[in-house]
Amino acid sequence: MSVLEQPTIYDEALYGEPLEVPVPSRPLNTDGPLWTVGEWDLVFPDTPLRREPDVQRMIIEIRAWTGWSKRQLAAVLGTSHTTVVNAEAGRPLVAARSGDLRRRVASTHDLVRRVFLLAGREPEATARILSTPQGDNGAPLDALQAGNYERAYVAAVDVLRPRQTGMLVSGRPRRPGATAALHD
């Protein structure tokens, strides 16, 4: 600093000398995308809004992937076919009437999409896999109607690739003395 220049309180703060008066703070300017904090300009990027899953799109995709009618889809979702008709037409769902229909549609959409991909993107095969009974457990569609999406997916995979039954077989021959009695 030269002799001609008068030091300011900012210069005194920079050199470590005590300030005579408190430095007034500048207000935070939040107008527009450029914020001013002190002497620094901050630019915050726009954050994209994430919308809720589109129920209309999901219902249309479920019906396209399975070939189900609106009444069949309504039976799977546990609602009336008029609710499915209204949702597919893009009308808003009334929470008091539909309950957790958004969650059920989203979970059903996720499961049907996975089965559709496993079925080679064939709607007939997807509908057949979901409706084929699997032993005492019933069809994947029964578990889907009950709201048990994990069991429905496992049952659908079992329809595609049935579990092997029988004894375990090793690739190596059994050696004498390799096993012991259960009581030992």
Protein backbone atom coordinates (compact mmCIF):
# COMPACT_ATOMS: atom_id res chain seq x y z
CA MET A 1 0.00 0.00 0.00
CA SER A 2 1.38 3.39 -0.90
CA VAL A 3 1.57 6.36 1.41
CA LEU A 4 -1.03 8.27 -0.61
CA GLU A 5 -3.71 5.63 -0.19
CA GLN A 6 -5.80 5.64 2.97
CA PRO A 7 -6.25 2.16 4.43
CA THR A 8 -9.82 0.93 4.67
CA ILE A 9 -11.23 -1.29 7.34
CA TYR A 10 -10.98 -4.18 4.87
CA ASP A 11 -7.25 -3.56 4.43
CA GLU A 12 -6.76 -3.46 8.19
CA ALA A 13 -8.56 -6.79 8.49
CA LEU A 14 -6.29 -8.26 5.83
CA TYR A 15 -3.15 -7.21 7.67
CA GLY A 16 -4.32 -8.61 10.99
CA GLU A 17 -4.83 -5.33 12.75
CA PRO A 18 -7.94 -4.98 14.90
CA LEU A 19 -10.93 -3.29 13.34
CA GLU A 20 -12.16 -0.05 14.86
CA VAL A 21 -15.80 -0.59 13.88
CA PRO A 22 -17.68 -3.75 12.99
CA VAL A 23 -17.95 -4.42 9.29
CA PRO A 24 -21.57 -4.21 8.19
CA SER A 25 -22.76 -7.37 6.51
CA ARG A 26 -24.29 -7.17 3.08
CA PRO A 27 -27.74 -8.62 2.58
CA LEU A 28 -28.09 -11.86 0.66
CA ASN A 29 -29.32 -11.11 -2.82
CA THR A 30 -31.41 -14.05 -4.06
CA ASP A 31 -33.06 -12.41 -7.08
CA GLY A 32 -32.67 -14.50 -10.21
CA PRO A 33 -30.29 -17.38 -10.84
CA LEU A 34 -27.28 -15.33 -9.69
CA TRP A 35 -26.94 -14.96 -5.91
CA THR A 36 -24.62 -12.43 -4.34
CA VAL A 37 -23.07 -13.39 -1.03
CA GLY A 38 -20.76 -10.66 0.18
CA GLU A 39 -18.65 -9.87 -2.84
CA TRP A 40 -18.98 -13.29 -4.46
CA ASP A 41 -21.52 -14.18 -7.12
CA LEU A 42 -22.86 -17.71 -6.83
CA VAL A 43 -24.70 -19.47 -9.62
CA PHE A 44 -26.89 -22.41 -8.68
CA PRO A 45 -27.93 -24.75 -11.48
CA ASP A 46 -31.61 -25.38 -12.01
CA THR A 47 -32.76 -28.57 -10.34
CA PRO A 48 -35.05 -30.67 -12.49
CA LEU A 49 -38.35 -31.54 -10.95
CA ARG A 50 -38.98 -35.25 -10.59
CA ARG A 51 -42.60 -36.05 -11.16
CA GLU A 52 -44.44 -38.95 -9.67
CA PRO A 53 -44.70 -42.01 -11.86
CA ASP A 54 -47.24 -41.48 -14.58
CA VAL A 55 -50.11 -43.82 -13.74
CA GLN A 56 -51.66 -43.42 -17.18
CA ARG A 57 -48.45 -44.45 -18.96
CA MET A 58 -47.88 -47.38 -16.60
CA ILE A 59 -51.41 -48.75 -17.10
CA ILE A 60 -51.09 -48.47 -20.88
CA GLU A 61 -47.73 -50.28 -20.78
CA ILE A 62 -49.02 -53.06 -18.49
CA ARG A 63 -51.93 -53.70 -20.83
CA ALA A 64 -49.64 -53.65 -23.88
CA TRP A 65 -47.15 -56.05 -22.28
CA THR A 66 -49.78 -58.57 -21.19
CA GLY A 67 -52.74 -58.12 -23.52
CA TRP A 68 -55.03 -57.90 -20.48
CA SER A 69 -58.38 -56.19 -20.72
CA LYS A 70 -59.24 -53.32 -18.43
CA ARG A 71 -61.36 -55.66 -16.30
CA GLN A 72 -58.49 -58.15 -15.95
CA LEU A 73 -56.07 -55.40 -14.93
CA ALA A 74 -58.64 -54.05 -12.46
CA ALA A 75 -58.91 -57.53 -10.90
CA VAL A 76 -55.12 -57.70 -10.56
CA LEU A 77 -54.94 -54.23 -9.00
CA GLY A 78 -57.90 -54.86 -6.71
CA THR A 79 -59.97 -51.96 -7.99
CA SER A 80 -62.91 -51.41 -10.32
CA HIS A 81 -62.63 -51.33 -14.07
CA THR A 82 -64.02 -47.79 -14.14
CA THR A 83 -61.06 -46.65 -12.06
CA VAL A 84 -58.71 -48.26 -14.58
CA VAL A 85 -60.65 -46.64 -17.45
CA ASN A 86 -60.41 -43.22 -15.78
CA ALA A 87 -56.70 -43.61 -14.95
CA GLU A 88 -55.91 -44.78 -18.47
CA ALA A 89 -57.77 -41.77 -19.85
CA GLY A 90 -55.52 -39.51 -17.78
CA ARG A 91 -58.06 -38.40 -15.21
CA PRO A 92 -56.56 -37.73 -11.78
CA LEU A 93 -56.93 -40.35 -9.08
CA VAL A 94 -58.88 -39.39 -5.99
CA ALA A 95 -56.83 -40.50 -3.00
CA ALA A 96 -59.90 -41.07 -0.83
CA ARG A 97 -61.34 -43.54 -3.30
CA SER A 98 -58.30 -45.20 -4.81
CA GLY A 99 -56.23 -45.61 -1.64
CA ASP A 100 -52.73 -46.76 -2.48
CA LEU A 101 -53.52 -47.43 -6.14
CA ARG A 102 -50.46 -45.49 -7.31
CA ARG A 103 -48.17 -47.79 -5.33
CA ARG A 104 -49.96 -50.92 -6.55
CA VAL A 105 -49.80 -49.77 -10.18
CA ALA A 106 -46.09 -48.93 -9.84
CA SER A 107 -45.27 -52.30 -8.21
CA THR A 108 -47.34 -54.22 -10.76
CA HIS A 109 -45.71 -52.26 -13.59
CA ASP A 110 -42.24 -53.12 -12.26
CA LEU A 111 -43.06 -56.82 -11.97
CA VAL A 112 -44.77 -57.08 -15.37
CA ARG A 113 -41.89 -55.20 -17.03
CA ARG A 114 -39.39 -57.69 -15.60
CA VAL A 115 -41.45 -60.69 -16.67
CA PHE A 116 -42.02 -59.11 -20.09
CA LEU A 117 -38.24 -58.82 -20.58
CA LEU A 118 -37.71 -62.40 -19.38
CA ALA A 119 -40.38 -63.59 -21.82
CA GLY A 120 -38.51 -62.14 -24.76
CA ARG A 121 -40.80 -59.11 -25.12
CA GLU A 122 -43.77 -61.22 -26.17
CA PRO A 123 -47.14 -60.19 -24.67
CA GLU A 124 -48.70 -63.65 -25.08
CA ALA A 125 -45.77 -65.32 -23.34
CA THR A 126 -45.89 -62.74 -20.53
CA ALA A 127 -49.60 -63.35 -19.91
CA ARG A 128 -49.06 -67.13 -20.06
CA ILE A 129 -46.17 -67.00 -17.57
CA LEU A 130 -48.18 -64.89 -15.13
CA SER A 131 -51.23 -67.16 -15.32
CA THR A 132 -49.50 -70.58 -15.23
CA PRO A 133 -50.02 -72.34 -11.87
CA GLN A 134 -46.86 -73.51 -10.15
CA GLY A 135 -47.64 -76.46 -7.87
CA ASP A 136 -49.22 -75.69 -4.49
CA ASN A 137 -48.15 -72.05 -4.61
CA GLY A 138 -50.60 -71.16 -7.37
CA ALA A 139 -49.96 -68.86 -10.31
CA PRO A 140 -47.81 -65.73 -10.15
CA LEU A 141 -51.03 -63.85 -10.88
CA ASP A 142 -52.51 -65.04 -7.57
CA ALA A 143 -49.55 -63.63 -5.64
CA LEU A 144 -49.76 -60.45 -7.68
CA GLN A 145 -53.44 -60.01 -6.79
CA ALA A 146 -52.61 -60.61 -3.13
CA GLY A 147 -49.98 -57.84 -3.26
CA ASN A 148 -47.06 -60.18 -2.69
CA TYR A 149 -44.85 -58.97 -5.54
CA GLU A 150 -41.70 -60.81 -4.45
CA ARG A 151 -43.48 -64.18 -4.40
CA ALA A 152 -45.10 -63.38 -7.75
CA TYR A 153 -41.70 -62.70 -9.31
CA VAL A 154 -40.15 -65.87 -7.90
CA ALA A 155 -43.16 -67.88 -9.14
CA ALA A 156 -42.81 -66.32 -12.60
CA VAL A 157 -39.13 -67.23 -12.72
CA ASP A 158 -40.04 -70.78 -11.61
CA VAL A 159 -42.49 -71.02 -14.51
CA LEU A 160 -39.77 -69.93 -16.93
CA ARG A 161 -37.07 -72.15 -15.45
CA PRO A 162 -38.52 -74.88 -13.24
CA ARG A 163 -36.45 -75.88 -10.25
CA GLN A 164 -34.48 -79.09 -10.52
CA THR A 165 -35.67 -81.81 -8.16
CA GLY A 166 -33.81 -84.83 -6.94
CA MET A 167 -30.52 -85.51 -5.27
CA LEU A 168 -27.55 -83.26 -5.62
CA VAL A 169 -25.03 -84.67 -8.01
CA SER A 170 -21.35 -83.78 -7.91
CA GLY A 171 -18.89 -83.69 -10.75
CA ARG A 172 -16.45 -85.83 -8.73
CA PRO A 173 -16.97 -89.49 -7.88
CA ARG A 174 -17.59 -90.41 -4.27
CA ARG A 175 -14.58 -91.72 -2.38
CA PRO A 176 -14.98 -94.42 0.21
CA GLY A 177 -15.08 -92.94 3.70
CA ALA A 178 -15.94 -89.47 2.40
CA THR A 179 -19.18 -89.35 4.33
CA ALA A 180 -19.91 -90.06 7.96
CA ALA A 181 -23.02 -91.32 9.64
CA LEU A 182 -25.37 -88.68 11.03
CA HIS A 183 -24.91 -89.84 14.62
CA ASP A 184 -21.11 -89.36 14.59
